[in-house]
């Protein structure tokens, strides 16, 4: 158990940040799933629209530190390749 006021504050802050970061990661995953669902349905217009929403979410995740930049780049690259291959 934390004894110092600083340690107690750190526990409160970490819990608050974990909740925010968890929500952010969840939002990114949801956006990625929307692109994948559109790809599975073969709907190129919906996939492109969803891809445009994914890119800023991934970039925001990297900027906020909840996702590694290479991971975000890889996800976006693979999704872009799949959307462009959908003819």
PDB file of N, CA and C in Angstrom:
ATOM      1  N   UNK A   1       0.842  -1.183   0.000  1.00  0.00           N
ATOM      2  CA  UNK A   1       0.000   0.000   0.000  1.00  0.00           C
ATOM      3  C   UNK A   1       0.886   1.244   0.000  1.00  0.00           C
ATOM      4  N   UNK A   2       0.458   2.240  -0.752  1.00  0.00           N
ATOM      5  CA  UNK A   2       1.226   3.475  -0.840  1.00  0.00           C
ATOM      6  C   UNK A   2       1.144   4.243   0.475  1.00  0.00           C
ATOM      7  N   UNK A   3       2.283   4.788   0.890  1.00  0.00           N
ATOM      8  CA  UNK A   3       2.331   5.531   2.142  1.00  0.00           C
ATOM      9  C   UNK A   3       2.425   7.032   1.926  1.00  0.00           C
ATOM     10  N   UNK A   4       3.221   7.444   0.958  1.00  0.00           N
ATOM     11  CA  UNK A   4       3.442   8.878   0.775  1.00  0.00           C
ATOM     12  C   UNK A   4       2.301   9.505  -0.027  1.00  0.00           C
ATOM     13  N   UNK A   5       2.055  10.772   0.186  1.00  0.00           N
ATOM     14  CA  UNK A   5       1.014  11.453  -0.600  1.00  0.00           C
ATOM     15  C   UNK A   5       1.303  11.405  -2.101  1.00  0.00           C
ATOM     16  N   UNK A   6       2.592  11.483  -2.439  1.00  0.00           N
ATOM     17  CA  UNK A   6       2.965  11.437  -3.857  1.00  0.00           C
ATOM     18  C   UNK A   6       2.602  10.087  -4.477  1.00  0.00           C
ATOM     19  N   UNK A   7       2.852   9.006  -3.749  1.00  0.00           N
ATOM     20  CA  UNK A   7       2.543   7.669  -4.247  1.00  0.00           C
ATOM     21  C   UNK A   7       1.031   7.475  -4.377  1.00  0.00           C
ATOM     22  N   UNK A   8       0.273   8.027  -3.413  1.00  0.00           N
ATOM     23  CA  UNK A   8      -1.185   7.935  -3.480  1.00  0.00           C
ATOM     24  C   UNK A   8      -1.725   8.687  -4.691  1.00  0.00           C
ATOM     25  N   UNK A   9      -1.162   9.857  -4.930  1.00  0.00           N
ATOM     26  CA  UNK A   9      -1.579  10.647  -6.087  1.00  0.00           C
ATOM     27  C   UNK A   9      -1.218   9.916  -7.373  1.00  0.00           C
ATOM     28  N   UNK A  10      -0.054   9.297  -7.405  1.00  0.00           N
ATOM     29  CA  UNK A  10       0.388   8.557  -8.589  1.00  0.00           C
ATOM     30  C   UNK A  10      -0.573   7.414  -8.900  1.00  0.00           C
ATOM     31  N   UNK A  11      -1.052   6.729  -7.878  1.00  0.00           N
ATOM     32  CA  UNK A  11      -2.010   5.638  -8.064  1.00  0.00           C
ATOM     33  C   UNK A  11      -3.305   6.168  -8.671  1.00  0.00           C
ATOM     34  N   UNK A  12      -3.794   7.306  -8.120  1.00  0.00           N
ATOM     35  CA  UNK A  12      -5.018   7.902  -8.667  1.00  0.00           C
ATOM     36  C   UNK A  12      -4.819   8.310 -10.128  1.00  0.00           C
ATOM     37  N   UNK A  13      -3.701   8.941 -10.391  1.00  0.00           N
ATOM     38  CA  UNK A  13      -3.430   9.416 -11.751  1.00  0.00           C
ATOM     39  C   UNK A  13      -3.281   8.253 -12.731  1.00  0.00           C
ATOM     40  N   UNK A  14      -2.586   7.201 -12.317  1.00  0.00           N
ATOM     41  CA  UNK A  14      -2.393   6.043 -13.196  1.00  0.00           C
ATOM     42  C   UNK A  14      -3.724   5.378 -13.538  1.00  0.00           C
ATOM     43  N   UNK A  15      -4.604   5.291 -12.571  1.00  0.00           N
ATOM     44  CA  UNK A  15      -5.920   4.691 -12.819  1.00  0.00           C
ATOM     45  C   UNK A  15      -6.709   5.531 -13.814  1.00  0.00           C
ATOM     46  N   UNK A  16      -6.650   6.851 -13.665  1.00  0.00           N
ATOM     47  CA  UNK A  16      -7.353   7.749 -14.569  1.00  0.00           C
ATOM     48  C   UNK A  16      -6.793   7.634 -15.991  1.00  0.00           C
ATOM     49  N   UNK A  17      -5.461   7.600 -16.105  1.00  0.00           N
ATOM     50  CA  UNK A  17      -4.832   7.509 -17.421  1.00  0.00           C
ATOM     51  C   UNK A  17      -5.115   6.150 -18.076  1.00  0.00           C
ATOM     52  N   UNK A  18      -5.128   5.085 -17.271  1.00  0.00           N
ATOM     53  CA  UNK A  18      -5.398   3.754 -17.815  1.00  0.00           C
ATOM     54  C   UNK A  18      -6.796   3.694 -18.416  1.00  0.00           C
ATOM     55  N   UNK A  19      -7.743   4.347 -17.770  1.00  0.00           N
ATOM     56  CA  UNK A  19      -9.115   4.376 -18.281  1.00  0.00           C
ATOM     57  C   UNK A  19      -9.176   5.136 -19.614  1.00  0.00           C
ATOM     58  N   UNK A  20      -8.507   6.277 -19.667  1.00  0.00           N
ATOM     59  CA  UNK A  20      -8.509   7.089 -20.887  1.00  0.00           C
ATOM     60  C   UNK A  20      -7.795   6.357 -22.015  1.00  0.00           C
ATOM     61  N   UNK A  21      -6.627   5.782 -21.704  1.00  0.00           N
ATOM     62  CA  UNK A  21      -5.860   5.086 -22.733  1.00  0.00           C
ATOM     63  C   UNK A  21      -6.588   3.843 -23.225  1.00  0.00           C
ATOM     64  N   UNK A  22      -7.262   3.151 -22.324  1.00  0.00           N
ATOM     65  CA  UNK A  22      -8.032   1.970 -22.725  1.00  0.00           C
ATOM     66  C   UNK A  22      -9.144   2.337 -23.677  1.00  0.00           C
ATOM     67  N   UNK A  23      -9.804   3.451 -23.402  1.00  0.00           N
ATOM     68  CA  UNK A  23     -10.872   3.921 -24.287  1.00  0.00           C
ATOM     69  C   UNK A  23     -10.305   4.293 -25.652  1.00  0.00           C
ATOM     70  N   UNK A  24      -9.139   4.908 -25.658  1.00  0.00           N
ATOM     71  CA  UNK A  24      -8.511   5.308 -26.923  1.00  0.00           C
ATOM     72  C   UNK A  24      -8.148   4.092 -27.779  1.00  0.00           C
ATOM     73  N   UNK A  25      -7.551   3.084 -27.146  1.00  0.00           N
ATOM     74  CA  UNK A  25      -7.180   1.862 -27.871  1.00  0.00           C
ATOM     75  C   UNK A  25      -8.432   1.163 -28.396  1.00  0.00           C
ATOM     76  N   UNK A  26      -9.483   1.140 -27.578  1.00  0.00           N
ATOM     77  CA  UNK A  26     -10.740   0.519 -27.987  1.00  0.00           C
ATOM     78  C   UNK A  26     -11.320   1.229 -29.205  1.00  0.00           C
ATOM     79  N   UNK A  27     -11.253   2.564 -29.206  1.00  0.00           N
ATOM     80  CA  UNK A  27     -11.769   3.344 -30.330  1.00  0.00           C
ATOM     81  C   UNK A  27     -10.975   3.028 -31.610  1.00  0.00           C
ATOM     82  N   UNK A  28      -9.660   2.879 -31.479  1.00  0.00           N
ATOM     83  CA  UNK A  28      -8.822   2.544 -32.641  1.00  0.00           C
ATOM     84  C   UNK A  28      -9.203   1.171 -33.179  1.00  0.00           C
ATOM     85  N   UNK A  29      -9.353   0.203 -32.287  1.00  0.00           N
ATOM     86  CA  UNK A  29      -9.716  -1.155 -32.714  1.00  0.00           C
ATOM     87  C   UNK A  29     -11.073  -1.173 -33.419  1.00  0.00           C
ATOM     88  N   UNK A  30     -12.021  -0.399 -32.900  1.00  0.00           N
ATOM     89  CA  UNK A  30     -13.348  -0.335 -33.511  1.00  0.00           C
ATOM     90  C   UNK A  30     -13.255   0.221 -34.924  1.00  0.00           C
ATOM     91  N   UNK A  31     -12.461   1.270 -35.108  1.00  0.00           N
ATOM     92  CA  UNK A  31     -12.312   1.872 -36.435  1.00  0.00           C
ATOM     93  C   UNK A  31     -11.664   0.882 -37.406  1.00  0.00           C
ATOM     94  N   UNK A  32     -10.662   0.143 -36.934  1.00  0.00           N
ATOM     95  CA  UNK A  32      -9.992  -0.850 -37.787  1.00  0.00           C
ATOM     96  C   UNK A  32     -10.981  -1.940 -38.182  1.00  0.00           C
ATOM     97  N   UNK A  33     -11.827  -2.362 -37.243  1.00  0.00           N
ATOM     98  CA  UNK A  33     -12.814  -3.401 -37.538  1.00  0.00           C
ATOM     99  C   UNK A  33     -13.822  -2.925 -38.575  1.00  0.00           C
ATOM    100  N   UNK A  34     -14.168  -1.632 -38.544  1.00  0.00           N
ATOM    101  CA  UNK A  34     -15.090  -1.099 -39.545  1.00  0.00           C
ATOM    102  C   UNK A  34     -14.505  -1.231 -40.944  1.00  0.00           C
ATOM    103  N   UNK A  35     -13.213  -0.953 -41.083  1.00  0.00           N
ATOM    104  CA  UNK A  35     -12.554  -1.105 -42.386  1.00  0.00           C
ATOM    105  C   UNK A  35     -12.568  -2.573 -42.798  1.00  0.00           C
ATOM    106  N   UNK A  36     -12.241  -3.464 -41.873  1.00  0.00           N
ATOM    107  CA  UNK A  36     -12.185  -4.890 -42.198  1.00  0.00           C
ATOM    108  C   UNK A  36     -13.556  -5.436 -42.569  1.00  0.00           C
ATOM    109  N   UNK A  37     -14.598  -4.977 -41.878  1.00  0.00           N
ATOM    110  CA  UNK A  37     -15.956  -5.410 -42.232  1.00  0.00           C
ATOM    111  C   UNK A  37     -16.335  -4.946 -43.634  1.00  0.00           C
ATOM    112  N   UNK A  38     -15.978  -3.708 -43.969  1.00  0.00           N
ATOM    113  CA  UNK A  38     -16.265  -3.190 -45.304  1.00  0.00           C
ATOM    114  C   UNK A  38     -15.479  -3.965 -46.356  1.00  0.00           C
ATOM    115  N   UNK A  39     -14.255  -4.348 -46.027  1.00  0.00           N
ATOM    116  CA  UNK A  39     -13.444  -5.139 -46.962  1.00  0.00           C
ATOM    117  C   UNK A  39     -14.059  -6.517 -47.173  1.00  0.00           C
ATOM    118  N   UNK A  40     -14.494  -7.139 -46.080  1.00  0.00           N
ATOM    119  CA  UNK A  40     -15.109  -8.467 -46.189  1.00  0.00           C
ATOM    120  C   UNK A  40     -16.404  -8.418 -46.991  1.00  0.00           C
ATOM    121  N   UNK A  41     -17.126  -7.300 -46.874  1.00  0.00           N
ATOM    122  CA  UNK A  41     -18.369  -7.145 -47.632  1.00  0.00           C
ATOM    123  C   UNK A  41     -18.099  -6.786 -49.091  1.00  0.00           C
ATOM    124  N   UNK A  42     -16.869  -6.372 -49.384  1.00  0.00           N
ATOM    125  CA  UNK A  42     -16.519  -6.004 -50.754  1.00  0.00           C
ATOM    126  C   UNK A  42     -16.977  -4.599 -51.129  1.00  0.00           C
ATOM    127  N   UNK A  43     -17.265  -3.774 -50.142  1.00  0.00           N
ATOM    128  CA  UNK A  43     -17.751  -2.412 -50.385  1.00  0.00           C
ATOM    129  C   UNK A  43     -16.569  -1.452 -50.362  1.00  0.00           C
ATOM    130  N   UNK A  44     -16.078  -1.100 -51.554  1.00  0.00           N
ATOM    131  CA  UNK A  44     -14.870  -0.279 -51.633  1.00  0.00           C
ATOM    132  C   UNK A  44     -15.105   1.137 -51.115  1.00  0.00           C
ATOM    133  N   UNK A  45     -16.267   1.722 -51.423  1.00  0.00           N
ATOM    134  CA  UNK A  45     -16.541   3.090 -50.976  1.00  0.00           C
ATOM    135  C   UNK A  45     -16.577   3.173 -49.447  1.00  0.00           C
ATOM    136  N   UNK A  46     -17.250   2.223 -48.828  1.00  0.00           N
ATOM    137  CA  UNK A  46     -17.326   2.209 -47.360  1.00  0.00           C
ATOM    138  C   UNK A  46     -15.947   1.958 -46.756  1.00  0.00           C
ATOM    139  N   UNK A  47     -15.172   1.090 -47.400  1.00  0.00           N
ATOM    140  CA  UNK A  47     -13.826   0.791 -46.901  1.00  0.00           C
ATOM    141  C   UNK A  47     -12.936   2.026 -46.972  1.00  0.00           C
ATOM    142  N   UNK A  48     -13.034   2.764 -48.067  1.00  0.00           N
ATOM    143  CA  UNK A  48     -12.223   3.980 -48.201  1.00  0.00           C
ATOM    144  C   UNK A  48     -12.646   5.035 -47.181  1.00  0.00           C
ATOM    145  N   UNK A  49     -13.942   5.174 -46.978  1.00  0.00           N
ATOM    146  CA  UNK A  49     -14.432   6.142 -46.000  1.00  0.00           C
ATOM    147  C   UNK A  49     -13.963   5.767 -44.597  1.00  0.00           C
ATOM    148  N   UNK A  50     -14.040   4.471 -44.271  1.00  0.00           N
ATOM    149  CA  UNK A  50     -13.610   4.014 -42.951  1.00  0.00           C
ATOM    150  C   UNK A  50     -12.100   4.172 -42.794  1.00  0.00           C
ATOM    151  N   UNK A  51     -11.364   3.960 -43.880  1.00  0.00           N
ATOM    152  CA  UNK A  51      -9.904   4.098 -43.832  1.00  0.00           C
ATOM    153  C   UNK A  51      -9.508   5.545 -43.539  1.00  0.00           C
ATOM    154  N   UNK A  52     -10.281   6.489 -44.081  1.00  0.00           N
ATOM    155  CA  UNK A  52      -9.998   7.906 -43.814  1.00  0.00           C
ATOM    156  C   UNK A  52     -10.224   8.248 -42.348  1.00  0.00           C
ATOM    157  N   UNK A  53     -11.110   7.511 -41.683  1.00  0.00           N
ATOM    158  CA  UNK A  53     -11.345   7.746 -40.259  1.00  0.00           C
ATOM    159  C   UNK A  53     -10.291   7.057 -39.394  1.00  0.00           C
ATOM    160  N   UNK A  54      -9.737   5.957 -39.895  1.00  0.00           N
ATOM    161  CA  UNK A  54      -8.755   5.200 -39.127  1.00  0.00           C
ATOM    162  C   UNK A  54      -7.433   5.959 -39.019  1.00  0.00           C
ATOM    163  N   UNK A  55      -7.015   6.580 -40.092  1.00  0.00           N
ATOM    164  CA  UNK A  55      -5.691   7.198 -40.136  1.00  0.00           C
ATOM    165  C   UNK A  55      -5.477   8.229 -39.023  1.00  0.00           C
ATOM    166  N   UNK A  56      -6.385   9.194 -38.824  1.00  0.00           N
ATOM    167  CA  UNK A  56      -6.148  10.131 -37.723  1.00  0.00           C
ATOM    168  C   UNK A  56      -6.224   9.484 -36.343  1.00  0.00           C
ATOM    169  N   UNK A  57      -7.061   8.460 -36.205  1.00  0.00           N
ATOM    170  CA  UNK A  57      -7.136   7.762 -34.915  1.00  0.00           C
ATOM    171  C   UNK A  57      -5.807   7.079 -34.596  1.00  0.00           C
ATOM    172  N   UNK A  58      -5.226   6.418 -35.607  1.00  0.00           N
ATOM    173  CA  UNK A  58      -3.928   5.771 -35.405  1.00  0.00           C
ATOM    174  C   UNK A  58      -2.857   6.809 -35.073  1.00  0.00           C
ATOM    175  N   UNK A  59      -2.860   7.920 -35.809  1.00  0.00           N
ATOM    176  CA  UNK A  59      -1.866   8.967 -35.565  1.00  0.00           C
ATOM    177  C   UNK A  59      -2.027   9.550 -34.160  1.00  0.00           C
ATOM    178  N   UNK A  60      -3.267   9.713 -33.722  1.00  0.00           N
ATOM    179  CA  UNK A  60      -3.527  10.244 -32.386  1.00  0.00           C
ATOM    180  C   UNK A  60      -3.051   9.253 -31.326  1.00  0.00           C
ATOM    181  N   UNK A  61      -3.261   7.966 -31.593  1.00  0.00           N
ATOM    182  CA  UNK A  61      -2.789   6.946 -30.657  1.00  0.00           C
ATOM    183  C   UNK A  61      -1.280   6.969 -30.503  1.00  0.00           C
ATOM    184  N   UNK A  62      -0.586   7.195 -31.616  1.00  0.00           N
ATOM    185  CA  UNK A  62       0.875   7.289 -31.568  1.00  0.00           C
ATOM    186  C   UNK A  62       1.288   8.544 -30.805  1.00  0.00           C
ATOM    187  N   UNK A  63       0.635   9.654 -31.101  1.00  0.00           N
ATOM    188  CA  UNK A  63       0.982  10.918 -30.451  1.00  0.00           C
ATOM    189  C   UNK A  63       0.749  10.853 -28.944  1.00  0.00           C
ATOM    190  N   UNK A  64      -0.290  10.140 -28.530  1.00  0.00           N
ATOM    191  CA  UNK A  64      -0.611  10.043 -27.105  1.00  0.00           C
ATOM    192  C   UNK A  64       0.175   8.940 -26.406  1.00  0.00           C
ATOM    193  N   UNK A  65       0.895   8.133 -27.176  1.00  0.00           N
ATOM    194  CA  UNK A  65       1.751   7.124 -26.571  1.00  0.00           C
ATOM    195  C   UNK A  65       1.080   5.812 -26.234  1.00  0.00           C
ATOM    196  N   UNK A  66      -0.106   5.551 -26.781  1.00  0.00           N
ATOM    197  CA  UNK A  66      -0.764   4.277 -26.484  1.00  0.00           C
ATOM    198  C   UNK A  66      -0.435   3.212 -27.520  1.00  0.00           C
ATOM    199  N   UNK A  67       0.261   3.617 -28.577  1.00  0.00           N
ATOM    200  CA  UNK A  67       0.590   2.678 -29.642  1.00  0.00           C
ATOM    201  C   UNK A  67       1.955   3.065 -30.221  1.00  0.00           C
ATOM    202  N   UNK A  68       2.756   2.074 -30.537  1.00  0.00           N
ATOM    203  CA  UNK A  68       4.058   2.331 -31.138  1.00  0.00           C
ATOM    204  C   UNK A  68       3.870   2.821 -32.569  1.00  0.00           C
ATOM    205  N   UNK A  69       4.723   3.725 -33.006  1.00  0.00           N
ATOM    206  CA  UNK A  69       4.535   4.312 -34.337  1.00  0.00           C
ATOM    207  C   UNK A  69       4.674   3.284 -35.449  1.00  0.00           C
ATOM    208  N   UNK A  70       5.557   2.299 -35.272  1.00  0.00           N
ATOM    209  CA  UNK A  70       5.709   1.272 -36.309  1.00  0.00           C
ATOM    210  C   UNK A  70       4.475   0.382 -36.383  1.00  0.00           C
ATOM    211  N   UNK A  71       3.859   0.124 -35.249  1.00  0.00           N
ATOM    212  CA  UNK A  71       2.635  -0.678 -35.224  1.00  0.00           C
ATOM    213  C   UNK A  71       1.528   0.039 -35.981  1.00  0.00           C
ATOM    214  N   UNK A  72       1.381   1.337 -35.718  1.00  0.00           N
ATOM    215  CA  UNK A  72       0.347   2.120 -36.396  1.00  0.00           C
ATOM    216  C   UNK A  72       0.630   2.183 -37.890  1.00  0.00           C
ATOM    217  N   UNK A  73       1.887   2.383 -38.262  1.00  0.00           N
ATOM    218  CA  UNK A  73       2.256   2.457 -39.678  1.00  0.00           C
ATOM    219  C   UNK A  73       1.971   1.127 -40.369  1.00  0.00           C
ATOM    220  N   UNK A  74       2.279   0.032 -39.696  1.00  0.00           N
ATOM    221  CA  UNK A  74       2.048  -1.289 -40.275  1.00  0.00           C
ATOM    222  C   UNK A  74       0.561  -1.544 -40.473  1.00  0.00           C
ATOM    223  N   UNK A  75      -0.241  -1.223 -39.463  1.00  0.00           N
ATOM    224  CA  UNK A  75      -1.688  -1.426 -39.572  1.00  0.00           C
ATOM    225  C   UNK A  75      -2.261  -0.606 -40.725  1.00  0.00           C
ATOM    226  N   UNK A  76      -1.877   0.672 -40.787  1.00  0.00           N
ATOM    227  CA  UNK A  76      -2.412   1.544 -41.825  1.00  0.00           C
ATOM    228  C   UNK A  76      -1.958   1.086 -43.203  1.00  0.00           C
ATOM    229  N   UNK A  77      -0.703   0.658 -43.317  1.00  0.00           N
ATOM    230  CA  UNK A  77      -0.171   0.194 -44.591  1.00  0.00           C
ATOM    231  C   UNK A  77      -0.920  -1.048 -45.084  1.00  0.00           C
ATOM    232  N   UNK A  78      -1.139  -1.989 -44.190  1.00  0.00           N
ATOM    233  CA  UNK A  78      -1.822  -3.230 -44.583  1.00  0.00           C
ATOM    234  C   UNK A  78      -3.274  -2.967 -44.956  1.00  0.00           C
ATOM    235  N   UNK A  79      -3.933  -2.093 -44.196  1.00  0.00           N
ATOM    236  CA  UNK A  79      -5.324  -1.764 -44.518  1.00  0.00           C
ATOM    237  C   UNK A  79      -5.403  -1.040 -45.864  1.00  0.00           C
ATOM    238  N   UNK A  80      -4.484  -0.107 -46.095  1.00  0.00           N
ATOM    239  CA  UNK A  80      -4.460   0.641 -47.358  1.00  0.00           C
ATOM    240  C   UNK A  80      -4.241  -0.294 -48.529  1.00  0.00           C
ATOM    241  N   UNK A  81      -3.334  -1.246 -48.355  1.00  0.00           N
ATOM    242  CA  UNK A  81      -3.056  -2.196 -49.432  1.00  0.00           C
ATOM    243  C   UNK A  81      -4.287  -3.036 -49.750  1.00  0.00           C
ATOM    244  N   UNK A  82      -4.995  -3.460 -48.686  1.00  0.00           N
ATOM    245  CA  UNK A  82      -6.189  -4.283 -48.901  1.00  0.00           C
ATOM    246  C   UNK A  82      -7.315  -3.484 -49.567  1.00  0.00           C
ATOM    247  N   UNK A  83      -7.455  -2.210 -49.175  1.00  0.00           N
ATOM    248  CA  UNK A  83      -8.511  -1.374 -49.761  1.00  0.00           C
ATOM    249  C   UNK A  83      -8.203  -1.103 -51.225  1.00  0.00           C
ATOM    250  N   UNK A  84      -6.941  -0.820 -51.541  1.00  0.00           N
ATOM    251  CA  UNK A  84      -6.597  -0.522 -52.935  1.00  0.00           C
ATOM    252  C   UNK A  84      -6.672  -1.771 -53.822  1.00  0.00           C
ATOM    253  N   UNK A  85      -6.482  -2.944 -53.227  1.00  0.00           N
ATOM    254  CA  UNK A  85      -6.588  -4.183 -54.011  1.00  0.00           C
ATOM    255  C   UNK A  85      -8.027  -4.537 -54.324  1.00  0.00           C
ATOM    256  N   UNK A  86      -8.957  -3.961 -53.566  1.00  0.00           N
ATOM    257  CA  UNK A  86     -10.381  -4.215 -53.795  1.00  0.00           C
ATOM    258  C   UNK A  86     -10.825  -3.460 -55.043  1.00  0.00           C
ATOM    259  N   UNK A  87     -11.027  -4.198 -56.121  1.00  0.00           N
ATOM    260  CA  UNK A  87     -11.302  -3.529 -57.397  1.00  0.00           C
ATOM    261  C   UNK A  87     -12.764  -3.562 -57.800  1.00  0.00           C
TER     262      UNK A  87
END
